[in-house]
N, C-alpha and C. Protein backbone atom coordinates (compact mmCIF):
# COMPACT_ATOMS: atom_id res chain seq x y z
N UNK A 1 0.84 -1.19 0.00
CA UNK A 1 0.00 0.00 0.00
C UNK A 1 0.89 1.25 0.00
N UNK A 2 0.43 2.24 -0.68
CA UNK A 2 1.15 3.49 -0.74
C UNK A 2 1.01 4.23 0.59
N UNK A 3 2.08 4.90 0.98
CA UNK A 3 2.06 5.66 2.23
C UNK A 3 1.58 7.09 2.02
N UNK A 4 2.00 7.72 0.92
CA UNK A 4 1.63 9.09 0.65
C UNK A 4 0.55 9.16 -0.41
N UNK A 5 0.27 10.36 -0.87
CA UNK A 5 -0.74 10.56 -1.91
C UNK A 5 -0.13 10.24 -3.27
N UNK A 6 -0.91 9.58 -4.13
CA UNK A 6 -0.47 9.35 -5.49
C UNK A 6 -0.30 10.69 -6.19
N UNK A 7 0.70 10.79 -7.05
CA UNK A 7 1.00 12.02 -7.76
C UNK A 7 0.52 11.91 -9.19
N UNK A 8 -0.35 12.83 -9.59
CA UNK A 8 -0.92 12.83 -10.93
C UNK A 8 -0.28 13.93 -11.77
N UNK A 9 0.06 13.60 -13.01
CA UNK A 9 0.55 14.58 -13.98
C UNK A 9 -0.61 14.86 -14.93
N UNK A 10 -1.09 16.10 -14.92
CA UNK A 10 -2.29 16.46 -15.70
C UNK A 10 -2.08 17.75 -16.49
N UNK A 11 -2.90 17.93 -17.54
CA UNK A 11 -2.86 19.17 -18.31
C UNK A 11 -3.30 20.33 -17.42
N UNK A 12 -2.75 21.49 -17.72
CA UNK A 12 -3.05 22.71 -16.96
C UNK A 12 -3.10 23.84 -17.96
N UNK A 13 -3.81 24.88 -17.65
CA UNK A 13 -3.92 26.01 -18.58
C UNK A 13 -2.57 26.64 -18.90
N UNK A 14 -1.60 26.46 -18.01
CA UNK A 14 -0.27 27.03 -18.22
C UNK A 14 0.77 25.97 -18.59
N UNK A 15 0.35 24.76 -18.93
CA UNK A 15 1.28 23.69 -19.30
C UNK A 15 0.85 22.37 -18.70
N UNK A 16 1.69 21.84 -17.81
CA UNK A 16 1.42 20.57 -17.14
C UNK A 16 1.56 20.75 -15.64
N UNK A 17 0.73 20.05 -14.88
CA UNK A 17 0.73 20.21 -13.43
C UNK A 17 0.95 18.87 -12.74
N UNK A 18 1.57 18.93 -11.57
CA UNK A 18 1.69 17.78 -10.67
C UNK A 18 0.72 18.04 -9.54
N UNK A 19 -0.20 17.10 -9.33
CA UNK A 19 -1.20 17.25 -8.27
C UNK A 19 -1.24 15.99 -7.43
N UNK A 20 -1.28 16.16 -6.12
CA UNK A 20 -1.49 15.03 -5.22
C UNK A 20 -2.93 14.58 -5.33
N UNK A 21 -3.17 13.28 -5.21
CA UNK A 21 -4.52 12.74 -5.30
C UNK A 21 -5.44 13.43 -4.30
N UNK A 22 -6.56 13.91 -4.78
CA UNK A 22 -7.54 14.57 -3.92
C UNK A 22 -7.29 16.05 -3.70
N UNK A 23 -6.15 16.57 -4.13
CA UNK A 23 -5.85 17.99 -3.97
C UNK A 23 -6.55 18.81 -5.05
N UNK A 24 -7.00 20.00 -4.69
CA UNK A 24 -7.61 20.88 -5.67
C UNK A 24 -6.57 21.76 -6.34
N UNK A 25 -5.50 22.09 -5.62
CA UNK A 25 -4.44 22.93 -6.17
C UNK A 25 -3.28 22.07 -6.65
N UNK A 26 -2.60 22.57 -7.66
CA UNK A 26 -1.42 21.88 -8.18
C UNK A 26 -0.24 22.09 -7.24
N UNK A 27 0.57 21.05 -7.09
CA UNK A 27 1.80 21.16 -6.31
C UNK A 27 2.81 21.99 -7.08
N UNK A 28 2.87 21.76 -8.40
CA UNK A 28 3.83 22.47 -9.26
C UNK A 28 3.26 22.50 -10.67
N UNK A 29 3.45 23.63 -11.37
CA UNK A 29 3.05 23.78 -12.76
C UNK A 29 4.30 24.08 -13.57
N UNK A 30 4.51 23.31 -14.65
CA UNK A 30 5.68 23.48 -15.50
C UNK A 30 5.26 23.49 -16.97
N UNK A 31 6.22 23.78 -17.85
CA UNK A 31 5.92 23.90 -19.28
C UNK A 31 5.73 22.56 -19.98
N UNK A 32 6.53 21.54 -19.61
CA UNK A 32 6.48 20.28 -20.34
C UNK A 32 6.00 19.12 -19.48
N UNK A 33 5.41 18.13 -20.15
CA UNK A 33 4.97 16.93 -19.45
C UNK A 33 6.17 16.16 -18.90
N UNK A 34 7.25 16.13 -19.64
CA UNK A 34 8.46 15.42 -19.21
C UNK A 34 8.97 15.96 -17.87
N UNK A 35 9.00 17.27 -17.75
CA UNK A 35 9.45 17.91 -16.51
C UNK A 35 8.49 17.59 -15.36
N UNK A 36 7.19 17.60 -15.65
CA UNK A 36 6.19 17.29 -14.62
C UNK A 36 6.33 15.84 -14.15
N UNK A 37 6.62 14.93 -15.08
CA UNK A 37 6.80 13.52 -14.71
C UNK A 37 7.99 13.36 -13.77
N UNK A 38 9.09 14.04 -14.07
CA UNK A 38 10.27 13.96 -13.22
C UNK A 38 9.97 14.45 -11.80
N UNK A 39 9.24 15.53 -11.69
CA UNK A 39 8.89 16.08 -10.37
C UNK A 39 7.96 15.12 -9.64
N UNK A 40 6.97 14.59 -10.34
CA UNK A 40 6.03 13.65 -9.73
C UNK A 40 6.75 12.39 -9.24
N UNK A 41 7.73 11.90 -10.01
CA UNK A 41 8.48 10.71 -9.60
C UNK A 41 9.29 10.96 -8.34
N UNK A 42 9.91 12.13 -8.24
CA UNK A 42 10.68 12.48 -7.04
C UNK A 42 9.78 12.49 -5.81
N UNK A 43 8.63 13.13 -5.93
CA UNK A 43 7.68 13.21 -4.82
C UNK A 43 7.19 11.82 -4.45
N UNK A 44 6.83 11.02 -5.45
CA UNK A 44 6.31 9.67 -5.20
C UNK A 44 7.36 8.78 -4.53
N UNK A 45 8.60 8.92 -4.94
CA UNK A 45 9.68 8.14 -4.30
C UNK A 45 9.82 8.53 -2.83
N UNK A 46 9.78 9.83 -2.56
CA UNK A 46 9.90 10.31 -1.17
C UNK A 46 8.73 9.85 -0.31
N UNK A 47 7.54 9.81 -0.90
CA UNK A 47 6.33 9.46 -0.15
C UNK A 47 5.98 7.98 -0.25
N UNK A 48 6.75 7.23 -1.02
CA UNK A 48 6.49 5.81 -1.28
C UNK A 48 5.06 5.63 -1.79
N UNK A 49 4.75 6.37 -2.85
CA UNK A 49 3.41 6.31 -3.45
C UNK A 49 3.54 6.01 -4.94
N UNK A 50 2.52 6.32 -5.72
CA UNK A 50 2.50 6.01 -7.15
C UNK A 50 2.44 7.29 -7.98
N UNK A 51 2.83 7.16 -9.25
CA UNK A 51 2.62 8.24 -10.21
C UNK A 51 1.55 7.79 -11.20
N UNK A 52 0.75 8.72 -11.64
CA UNK A 52 -0.28 8.49 -12.65
C UNK A 52 -0.12 9.59 -13.69
N UNK A 53 0.28 9.22 -14.91
CA UNK A 53 0.51 10.19 -15.96
C UNK A 53 -0.71 10.21 -16.88
N UNK A 54 -1.34 11.36 -16.99
CA UNK A 54 -2.52 11.53 -17.83
C UNK A 54 -2.08 12.10 -19.18
N UNK A 55 -2.73 11.64 -20.24
CA UNK A 55 -2.47 12.18 -21.57
C UNK A 55 -3.24 13.46 -21.80
N UNK A 56 -3.12 14.00 -22.99
CA UNK A 56 -3.83 15.24 -23.33
C UNK A 56 -5.34 15.08 -23.21
N UNK A 57 -5.84 13.85 -23.40
CA UNK A 57 -7.29 13.61 -23.33
C UNK A 57 -7.77 13.41 -21.89
N UNK A 58 -6.87 13.43 -20.92
CA UNK A 58 -7.24 13.30 -19.52
C UNK A 58 -7.20 11.89 -18.98
N UNK A 59 -7.06 10.90 -19.85
CA UNK A 59 -7.03 9.50 -19.41
C UNK A 59 -5.62 9.12 -18.95
N UNK A 60 -5.56 8.25 -17.95
CA UNK A 60 -4.27 7.77 -17.46
C UNK A 60 -3.63 6.93 -18.55
N UNK A 61 -2.38 7.26 -18.90
CA UNK A 61 -1.69 6.54 -19.96
C UNK A 61 -0.47 5.79 -19.44
N UNK A 62 0.00 6.12 -18.25
CA UNK A 62 1.18 5.46 -17.68
C UNK A 62 1.22 5.71 -16.18
N UNK A 63 2.11 5.01 -15.52
CA UNK A 63 2.29 5.20 -14.09
C UNK A 63 3.31 4.24 -13.54
N UNK A 64 3.82 4.55 -12.38
CA UNK A 64 4.78 3.70 -11.68
C UNK A 64 4.46 3.68 -10.21
N UNK A 65 4.85 2.59 -9.56
CA UNK A 65 4.66 2.46 -8.13
C UNK A 65 6.02 2.54 -7.44
N UNK A 66 6.13 3.40 -6.45
CA UNK A 66 7.36 3.53 -5.69
C UNK A 66 7.14 3.15 -4.23
N UNK A 67 6.01 2.50 -3.97
CA UNK A 67 5.68 2.08 -2.61
C UNK A 67 6.00 0.62 -2.40
N UNK A 68 5.46 0.07 -1.36
CA UNK A 68 5.65 -1.34 -1.04
C UNK A 68 4.54 -2.11 -1.73
N UNK A 69 4.75 -2.48 -2.99
CA UNK A 69 3.74 -3.14 -3.82
C UNK A 69 3.55 -4.59 -3.37
N UNK A 70 2.33 -4.97 -2.93
CA UNK A 70 2.11 -6.35 -2.48
C UNK A 70 2.13 -7.35 -3.64
N UNK A 71 2.01 -6.89 -4.87
CA UNK A 71 2.05 -7.76 -6.05
C UNK A 71 3.04 -7.20 -7.07
N UNK A 72 4.35 -7.29 -6.78
CA UNK A 72 5.33 -6.72 -7.71
C UNK A 72 5.34 -7.48 -9.03
N UNK A 73 5.77 -6.83 -10.10
CA UNK A 73 5.81 -7.50 -11.39
C UNK A 73 6.77 -8.68 -11.38
N UNK A 74 6.44 -9.71 -12.14
CA UNK A 74 7.29 -10.89 -12.18
C UNK A 74 8.42 -10.77 -13.18
N UNK A 75 8.21 -9.95 -14.20
CA UNK A 75 9.25 -9.83 -15.21
C UNK A 75 10.44 -9.04 -14.68
N UNK A 76 11.60 -9.41 -15.14
CA UNK A 76 12.83 -8.72 -14.75
C UNK A 76 13.30 -7.88 -15.93
N UNK A 77 12.97 -6.58 -15.91
CA UNK A 77 13.28 -5.70 -17.04
C UNK A 77 14.73 -5.59 -17.28
């Protein structure tokens, strides 16, 4: 289970935003999605939570878990 709030990367009127799950305000707003993903990953690692990357259409397109996953992947990348 994740300890902190999952970090979502979402579109924002000024670019891309990193928002904690359930938060109304963005933690950080940046110009590029790549930069927002890097920030979200740092926060998720510190909080042992997950990242959820949303595409331009608002749907989740990717994500990673940095918490204590009870069902880790079996493949060895």
